[in-house]
């Protein structure tokens, strides 16, 4: 599954609209829309915010993190 799909699934599991999701992460609606359409990838700072949101909502973050690492061609990244 792609990073874009994982972000959409994470948002849906958080029971949020794109607008609500964007606000909770401190980004714009259009940014979330671009992430979910695969036109843009979250920065490491955005990934840290996503991780916090996942932990807060008890959502598994591991798959989302792995997809981000794979799609950014990172061998290893520590998103803490």
PDB file of N, CA and C in Angstrom:
ATOM      1  N   UNK A   1       0.841  -1.171   0.000  1.00  0.00           N
ATOM      2  CA  UNK A   1       0.000   0.000   0.000  1.00  0.00           C
ATOM      3  C   UNK A   1       0.893   1.242   0.000  1.00  0.00           C
ATOM      4  N   UNK A   2       0.479   2.255  -0.715  1.00  0.00           N
ATOM      5  CA  UNK A   2       1.302   3.465  -0.838  1.00  0.00           C
ATOM      6  C   UNK A   2       1.205   4.349   0.401  1.00  0.00           C
ATOM      7  N   UNK A   3       2.134   5.270   0.498  1.00  0.00           N
ATOM      8  CA  UNK A   3       2.130   6.239   1.589  1.00  0.00           C
ATOM      9  C   UNK A   3       0.847   7.065   1.550  1.00  0.00           C
ATOM     10  N   UNK A   4       0.434   7.482   0.359  1.00  0.00           N
ATOM     11  CA  UNK A   4      -0.795   8.272   0.211  1.00  0.00           C
ATOM     12  C   UNK A   4      -1.993   7.514   0.784  1.00  0.00           C
ATOM     13  N   UNK A   5      -2.087   6.233   0.469  1.00  0.00           N
ATOM     14  CA  UNK A   5      -3.195   5.414   0.991  1.00  0.00           C
ATOM     15  C   UNK A   5      -3.104   5.268   2.505  1.00  0.00           C
ATOM     16  N   UNK A   6      -1.899   5.100   3.021  1.00  0.00           N
ATOM     17  CA  UNK A   6      -1.719   4.962   4.465  1.00  0.00           C
ATOM     18  C   UNK A   6      -2.113   6.243   5.201  1.00  0.00           C
ATOM     19  N   UNK A   7      -1.812   7.380   4.619  1.00  0.00           N
ATOM     20  CA  UNK A   7      -2.200   8.652   5.238  1.00  0.00           C
ATOM     21  C   UNK A   7      -3.719   8.772   5.256  1.00  0.00           C
ATOM     22  N   UNK A   8      -4.362   8.428   4.150  1.00  0.00           N
ATOM     23  CA  UNK A   8      -5.825   8.481   4.085  1.00  0.00           C
ATOM     24  C   UNK A   8      -6.443   7.554   5.120  1.00  0.00           C
ATOM     25  N   UNK A   9      -5.922   6.338   5.231  1.00  0.00           N
ATOM     26  CA  UNK A   9      -6.428   5.367   6.206  1.00  0.00           C
ATOM     27  C   UNK A   9      -6.228   5.886   7.628  1.00  0.00           C
ATOM     28  N   UNK A  10      -5.074   6.470   7.895  1.00  0.00           N
ATOM     29  CA  UNK A  10      -4.800   7.029   9.223  1.00  0.00           C
ATOM     30  C   UNK A  10      -5.803   8.127   9.553  1.00  0.00           C
ATOM     31  N   UNK A  11      -6.071   8.994   8.586  1.00  0.00           N
ATOM     32  CA  UNK A  11      -7.045  10.069   8.804  1.00  0.00           C
ATOM     33  C   UNK A  11      -8.432   9.491   9.072  1.00  0.00           C
ATOM     34  N   UNK A  12      -8.819   8.512   8.282  1.00  0.00           N
ATOM     35  CA  UNK A  12     -10.143   7.909   8.457  1.00  0.00           C
ATOM     36  C   UNK A  12     -10.259   7.197   9.801  1.00  0.00           C
ATOM     37  N   UNK A  13      -9.211   6.529  10.212  1.00  0.00           N
ATOM     38  CA  UNK A  13      -9.231   5.860  11.521  1.00  0.00           C
ATOM     39  C   UNK A  13      -9.277   6.871  12.661  1.00  0.00           C
ATOM     40  N   UNK A  14      -8.805   8.078  12.390  1.00  0.00           N
ATOM     41  CA  UNK A  14      -8.875   9.155  13.380  1.00  0.00           C
ATOM     42  C   UNK A  14     -10.256   9.812  13.391  1.00  0.00           C
ATOM     43  N   UNK A  15     -11.111   9.370  12.466  1.00  0.00           N
ATOM     44  CA  UNK A  15     -12.478   9.893  12.327  1.00  0.00           C
ATOM     45  C   UNK A  15     -12.480  11.400  12.077  1.00  0.00           C
ATOM     46  N   UNK A  16     -11.597  11.827  11.158  1.00  0.00           N
ATOM     47  CA  UNK A  16     -11.477  13.250  10.842  1.00  0.00           C
ATOM     48  C   UNK A  16     -11.666  13.495   9.352  1.00  0.00           C
ATOM     49  N   UNK A  17     -12.164  14.692   9.046  1.00  0.00           N
ATOM     50  CA  UNK A  17     -12.174  15.159   7.663  1.00  0.00           C
ATOM     51  C   UNK A  17     -10.754  15.612   7.326  1.00  0.00           C
ATOM     52  N   UNK A  18     -10.511  15.890   6.053  1.00  0.00           N
ATOM     53  CA  UNK A  18      -9.197  16.407   5.681  1.00  0.00           C
ATOM     54  C   UNK A  18      -8.924  17.735   6.379  1.00  0.00           C
ATOM     55  N   UNK A  19      -9.945  18.551   6.525  1.00  0.00           N
ATOM     56  CA  UNK A  19      -9.785  19.843   7.191  1.00  0.00           C
ATOM     57  C   UNK A  19      -9.400  19.666   8.658  1.00  0.00           C
ATOM     58  N   UNK A  20     -10.098  18.774   9.347  1.00  0.00           N
ATOM     59  CA  UNK A  20      -9.810  18.523  10.766  1.00  0.00           C
ATOM     60  C   UNK A  20      -8.419  17.926  10.942  1.00  0.00           C
ATOM     61  N   UNK A  21      -8.083  16.996  10.065  1.00  0.00           N
ATOM     62  CA  UNK A  21      -6.777  16.339  10.103  1.00  0.00           C
ATOM     63  C   UNK A  21      -5.672  17.376   9.907  1.00  0.00           C
ATOM     64  N   UNK A  22      -5.863  18.239   8.915  1.00  0.00           N
ATOM     65  CA  UNK A  22      -4.881  19.290   8.633  1.00  0.00           C
ATOM     66  C   UNK A  22      -4.699  20.194   9.845  1.00  0.00           C
ATOM     67  N   UNK A  23      -5.799  20.606  10.438  1.00  0.00           N
ATOM     68  CA  UNK A  23      -5.722  21.497  11.601  1.00  0.00           C
ATOM     69  C   UNK A  23      -4.990  20.831  12.760  1.00  0.00           C
ATOM     70  N   UNK A  24      -5.263  19.553  12.985  1.00  0.00           N
ATOM     71  CA  UNK A  24      -4.615  18.852  14.101  1.00  0.00           C
ATOM     72  C   UNK A  24      -3.114  18.678  13.881  1.00  0.00           C
ATOM     73  N   UNK A  25      -2.684  18.698  12.619  1.00  0.00           N
ATOM     74  CA  UNK A  25      -1.263  18.544  12.291  1.00  0.00           C
ATOM     75  C   UNK A  25      -0.566  19.882  12.050  1.00  0.00           C
ATOM     76  N   UNK A  26      -1.329  20.960  12.021  1.00  0.00           N
ATOM     77  CA  UNK A  26      -0.738  22.273  11.791  1.00  0.00           C
ATOM     78  C   UNK A  26      -0.332  22.520  10.350  1.00  0.00           C
ATOM     79  N   UNK A  27      -1.067  21.889   9.422  1.00  0.00           N
ATOM     80  CA  UNK A  27      -0.815  22.098   7.995  1.00  0.00           C
ATOM     81  C   UNK A  27      -2.124  22.536   7.340  1.00  0.00           C
ATOM     82  N   UNK A  28      -2.062  22.885   6.077  1.00  0.00           N
ATOM     83  CA  UNK A  28      -3.266  23.321   5.370  1.00  0.00           C
ATOM     84  C   UNK A  28      -4.042  22.119   4.826  1.00  0.00           C
ATOM     85  N   UNK A  29      -5.312  22.377   4.522  1.00  0.00           N
ATOM     86  CA  UNK A  29      -6.148  21.357   3.891  1.00  0.00           C
ATOM     87  C   UNK A  29      -5.512  20.882   2.592  1.00  0.00           C
ATOM     88  N   UNK A  30      -5.001  21.828   1.798  1.00  0.00           N
ATOM     89  CA  UNK A  30      -4.416  21.454   0.509  1.00  0.00           C
ATOM     90  C   UNK A  30      -3.192  20.556   0.677  1.00  0.00           C
ATOM     91  N   UNK A  31      -2.455  20.725   1.762  1.00  0.00           N
ATOM     92  CA  UNK A  31      -1.305  19.858   2.029  1.00  0.00           C
ATOM     93  C   UNK A  31      -1.774  18.428   2.259  1.00  0.00           C
ATOM     94  N   UNK A  32      -2.779  18.250   3.093  1.00  0.00           N
ATOM     95  CA  UNK A  32      -3.316  16.906   3.350  1.00  0.00           C
ATOM     96  C   UNK A  32      -3.866  16.318   2.056  1.00  0.00           C
ATOM     97  N   UNK A  33      -4.550  17.133   1.271  1.00  0.00           N
ATOM     98  CA  UNK A  33      -5.096  16.672   0.001  1.00  0.00           C
ATOM     99  C   UNK A  33      -3.982  16.196  -0.925  1.00  0.00           C
ATOM    100  N   UNK A  34      -2.872  16.920  -0.969  1.00  0.00           N
ATOM    101  CA  UNK A  34      -1.728  16.523  -1.811  1.00  0.00           C
ATOM    102  C   UNK A  34      -1.079  15.242  -1.295  1.00  0.00           C
ATOM    103  N   UNK A  35      -0.999  15.094   0.026  1.00  0.00           N
ATOM    104  CA  UNK A  35      -0.453  13.851   0.592  1.00  0.00           C
ATOM    105  C   UNK A  35      -1.309  12.667   0.167  1.00  0.00           C
ATOM    106  N   UNK A  36      -2.620  12.814   0.330  1.00  0.00           N
ATOM    107  CA  UNK A  36      -3.530  11.702   0.043  1.00  0.00           C
ATOM    108  C   UNK A  36      -3.626  11.383  -1.443  1.00  0.00           C
ATOM    109  N   UNK A  37      -3.328  12.347  -2.300  1.00  0.00           N
ATOM    110  CA  UNK A  37      -3.352  12.099  -3.741  1.00  0.00           C
ATOM    111  C   UNK A  37      -1.986  11.652  -4.257  1.00  0.00           C
ATOM    112  N   UNK A  38      -0.976  11.659  -3.377  1.00  0.00           N
ATOM    113  CA  UNK A  38       0.361  11.226  -3.763  1.00  0.00           C
ATOM    114  C   UNK A  38       1.167  12.286  -4.490  1.00  0.00           C
ATOM    115  N   UNK A  39       0.677  13.521  -4.521  1.00  0.00           N
ATOM    116  CA  UNK A  39       1.387  14.601  -5.210  1.00  0.00           C
ATOM    117  C   UNK A  39       2.513  15.191  -4.372  1.00  0.00           C
ATOM    118  N   UNK A  40       2.474  14.915  -3.083  1.00  0.00           N
ATOM    119  CA  UNK A  40       3.471  15.464  -2.161  1.00  0.00           C
ATOM    120  C   UNK A  40       3.649  14.482  -1.005  1.00  0.00           C
ATOM    121  N   UNK A  41       4.837  14.487  -0.408  1.00  0.00           N
ATOM    122  CA  UNK A  41       5.104  13.623   0.746  1.00  0.00           C
ATOM    123  C   UNK A  41       5.330  14.484   1.982  1.00  0.00           C
ATOM    124  N   UNK A  42       4.923  13.989   3.144  1.00  0.00           N
ATOM    125  CA  UNK A  42       5.156  14.742   4.379  1.00  0.00           C
ATOM    126  C   UNK A  42       6.651  14.875   4.679  1.00  0.00           C
ATOM    127  N   UNK A  43       7.019  15.993   5.271  1.00  0.00           N
ATOM    128  CA  UNK A  43       8.397  16.194   5.731  1.00  0.00           C
ATOM    129  C   UNK A  43       8.612  15.366   6.998  1.00  0.00           C
ATOM    130  N   UNK A  44       9.838  15.288   7.450  1.00  0.00           N
ATOM    131  CA  UNK A  44      10.110  14.556   8.691  1.00  0.00           C
ATOM    132  C   UNK A  44       9.382  15.215   9.867  1.00  0.00           C
ATOM    133  N   UNK A  45       9.292  16.527   9.850  1.00  0.00           N
ATOM    134  CA  UNK A  45       8.557  17.243  10.899  1.00  0.00           C
ATOM    135  C   UNK A  45       7.075  16.860  10.877  1.00  0.00           C
ATOM    136  N   UNK A  46       6.503  16.776   9.672  1.00  0.00           N
ATOM    137  CA  UNK A  46       5.108  16.353   9.542  1.00  0.00           C
ATOM    138  C   UNK A  46       4.929  14.913  10.005  1.00  0.00           C
ATOM    139  N   UNK A  47       5.916  14.071   9.724  1.00  0.00           N
ATOM    140  CA  UNK A  47       5.828  12.672  10.151  1.00  0.00           C
ATOM    141  C   UNK A  47       5.850  12.569  11.669  1.00  0.00           C
ATOM    142  N   UNK A  48       6.609  13.422  12.316  1.00  0.00           N
ATOM    143  CA  UNK A  48       6.620  13.426  13.785  1.00  0.00           C
ATOM    144  C   UNK A  48       5.242  13.815  14.315  1.00  0.00           C
ATOM    145  N   UNK A  49       4.600  14.777  13.669  1.00  0.00           N
ATOM    146  CA  UNK A  49       3.248  15.176  14.065  1.00  0.00           C
ATOM    147  C   UNK A  49       2.259  14.041  13.822  1.00  0.00           C
ATOM    148  N   UNK A  50       2.420  13.351  12.701  1.00  0.00           N
ATOM    149  CA  UNK A  50       1.559  12.202  12.404  1.00  0.00           C
ATOM    150  C   UNK A  50       1.740  11.099  13.445  1.00  0.00           C
ATOM    151  N   UNK A  51       2.984  10.884  13.842  1.00  0.00           N
ATOM    152  CA  UNK A  51       3.257   9.862  14.852  1.00  0.00           C
ATOM    153  C   UNK A  51       2.568  10.212  16.169  1.00  0.00           C
ATOM    154  N   UNK A  52       2.665  11.465  16.577  1.00  0.00           N
ATOM    155  CA  UNK A  52       2.013  11.910  17.811  1.00  0.00           C
ATOM    156  C   UNK A  52       0.500  11.712  17.712  1.00  0.00           C
ATOM    157  N   UNK A  53      -0.081  12.077  16.571  1.00  0.00           N
ATOM    158  CA  UNK A  53      -1.520  11.913  16.363  1.00  0.00           C
ATOM    159  C   UNK A  53      -1.915  10.441  16.436  1.00  0.00           C
ATOM    160  N   UNK A  54      -1.117   9.577  15.823  1.00  0.00           N
ATOM    161  CA  UNK A  54      -1.397   8.135  15.866  1.00  0.00           C
ATOM    162  C   UNK A  54      -1.343   7.617  17.298  1.00  0.00           C
ATOM    163  N   UNK A  55      -0.339   8.026  18.038  1.00  0.00           N
ATOM    164  CA  UNK A  55      -0.221   7.581  19.430  1.00  0.00           C
ATOM    165  C   UNK A  55      -1.406   8.065  20.252  1.00  0.00           C
ATOM    166  N   UNK A  56      -1.800   9.300  20.038  1.00  0.00           N
ATOM    167  CA  UNK A  56      -2.928   9.892  20.764  1.00  0.00           C
ATOM    168  C   UNK A  56      -4.233   9.138  20.483  1.00  0.00           C
ATOM    169  N   UNK A  57      -4.405   8.693  19.242  1.00  0.00           N
ATOM    170  CA  UNK A  57      -5.626   8.001  18.833  1.00  0.00           C
ATOM    171  C   UNK A  57      -5.482   6.479  18.825  1.00  0.00           C
ATOM    172  N   UNK A  58      -4.366   5.988  19.371  1.00  0.00           N
ATOM    173  CA  UNK A  58      -4.096   4.547  19.455  1.00  0.00           C
ATOM    174  C   UNK A  58      -4.195   3.865  18.088  1.00  0.00           C
ATOM    175  N   UNK A  59      -3.511   4.460  17.113  1.00  0.00           N
ATOM    176  CA  UNK A  59      -3.458   3.931  15.753  1.00  0.00           C
ATOM    177  C   UNK A  59      -2.033   3.469  15.490  1.00  0.00           C
ATOM    178  N   UNK A  60      -1.896   2.287  14.880  1.00  0.00           N
ATOM    179  CA  UNK A  60      -0.567   1.759  14.569  1.00  0.00           C
ATOM    180  C   UNK A  60       0.131   2.682  13.571  1.00  0.00           C
ATOM    181  N   UNK A  61       1.317   3.104  13.920  1.00  0.00           N
ATOM    182  CA  UNK A  61       2.083   4.054  13.116  1.00  0.00           C
ATOM    183  C   UNK A  61       3.149   3.364  12.265  1.00  0.00           C
ATOM    184  N   UNK A  62       3.487   2.139  12.594  1.00  0.00           N
ATOM    185  CA  UNK A  62       4.630   1.458  11.981  1.00  0.00           C
ATOM    186  C   UNK A  62       4.527   1.365  10.457  1.00  0.00           C
ATOM    187  N   UNK A  63       3.378   0.993   9.929  1.00  0.00           N
ATOM    188  CA  UNK A  63       3.237   0.839   8.476  1.00  0.00           C
ATOM    189  C   UNK A  63       3.392   2.190   7.778  1.00  0.00           C
ATOM    190  N   UNK A  64       2.798   3.221   8.358  1.00  0.00           N
ATOM    191  CA  UNK A  64       2.912   4.572   7.803  1.00  0.00           C
ATOM    192  C   UNK A  64       4.381   5.004   7.754  1.00  0.00           C
ATOM    193  N   UNK A  65       5.096   4.765   8.843  1.00  0.00           N
ATOM    194  CA  UNK A  65       6.514   5.126   8.909  1.00  0.00           C
ATOM    195  C   UNK A  65       7.328   4.334   7.886  1.00  0.00           C
ATOM    196  N   UNK A  66       7.063   3.047   7.760  1.00  0.00           N
ATOM    197  CA  UNK A  66       7.801   2.210   6.806  1.00  0.00           C
ATOM    198  C   UNK A  66       7.574   2.675   5.370  1.00  0.00           C
ATOM    199  N   UNK A  67       6.338   3.023   5.033  1.00  0.00           N
ATOM    200  CA  UNK A  67       6.045   3.515   3.683  1.00  0.00           C
ATOM    201  C   UNK A  67       6.772   4.830   3.410  1.00  0.00           C
ATOM    202  N   UNK A  68       6.805   5.713   4.406  1.00  0.00           N
ATOM    203  CA  UNK A  68       7.500   6.995   4.241  1.00  0.00           C
ATOM    204  C   UNK A  68       8.987   6.752   3.990  1.00  0.00           C
ATOM    205  N   UNK A  69       9.574   5.860   4.764  1.00  0.00           N
ATOM    206  CA  UNK A  69      10.995   5.528   4.601  1.00  0.00           C
ATOM    207  C   UNK A  69      11.244   4.938   3.217  1.00  0.00           C
ATOM    208  N   UNK A  70      10.410   3.986   2.802  1.00  0.00           N
ATOM    209  CA  UNK A  70      10.569   3.350   1.490  1.00  0.00           C
ATOM    210  C   UNK A  70      10.426   4.349   0.347  1.00  0.00           C
ATOM    211  N   UNK A  71       9.416   5.201   0.415  1.00  0.00           N
ATOM    212  CA  UNK A  71       9.165   6.138  -0.677  1.00  0.00           C
ATOM    213  C   UNK A  71      10.173   7.278  -0.723  1.00  0.00           C
ATOM    214  N   UNK A  72      10.860   7.527   0.366  1.00  0.00           N
ATOM    215  CA  UNK A  72      11.906   8.549   0.384  1.00  0.00           C
ATOM    216  C   UNK A  72      13.288   7.937   0.187  1.00  0.00           C
ATOM    217  N   UNK A  73      13.324   6.647  -0.120  1.00  0.00           N
ATOM    218  CA  UNK A  73      14.570   5.924  -0.365  1.00  0.00           C
ATOM    219  C   UNK A  73      15.567   6.061   0.776  1.00  0.00           C
ATOM    220  N   UNK A  74      15.063   6.024   1.992  1.00  0.00           N
ATOM    221  CA  UNK A  74      15.914   6.109   3.176  1.00  0.00           C
ATOM    222  C   UNK A  74      16.243   4.694   3.626  1.00  0.00           C
ATOM    223  N   UNK A  75      17.492   4.453   3.938  1.00  0.00           N
ATOM    224  CA  UNK A  75      17.849   3.141   4.465  1.00  0.00           C
ATOM    225  C   UNK A  75      17.388   3.020   5.899  1.00  0.00           C
ATOM    226  N   UNK A  76      17.521   4.097   6.632  1.00  0.00           N
ATOM    227  CA  UNK A  76      17.128   4.082   8.035  1.00  0.00           C
ATOM    228  C   UNK A  76      16.827   5.511   8.444  1.00  0.00           C
ATOM    229  N   UNK A  77      15.758   5.697   9.133  1.00  0.00           N
ATOM    230  CA  UNK A  77      15.384   7.037   9.597  1.00  0.00           C
ATOM    231  C   UNK A  77      14.764   6.905  10.962  1.00  0.00           C
ATOM    232  N   UNK A  78      15.139   7.759  11.849  1.00  0.00           N
ATOM    233  CA  UNK A  78      14.605   7.719  13.204  1.00  0.00           C
ATOM    234  C   UNK A  78      13.634   8.880  13.370  1.00  0.00           C
ATOM    235  N   UNK A  79      12.356   8.568  13.325  1.00  0.00           N
ATOM    236  CA  UNK A  79      11.331   9.598  13.465  1.00  0.00           C
ATOM    237  C   UNK A  79      10.837   9.553  14.896  1.00  0.00           C
ATOM    238  N   UNK A  80      11.441  10.365  15.728  1.00  0.00           N
ATOM    239  CA  UNK A  80      11.057  10.386  17.146  1.00  0.00           C
ATOM    240  C   UNK A  80      10.612  11.747  17.559  1.00  0.00           C
TER     241      UNK A  80
END
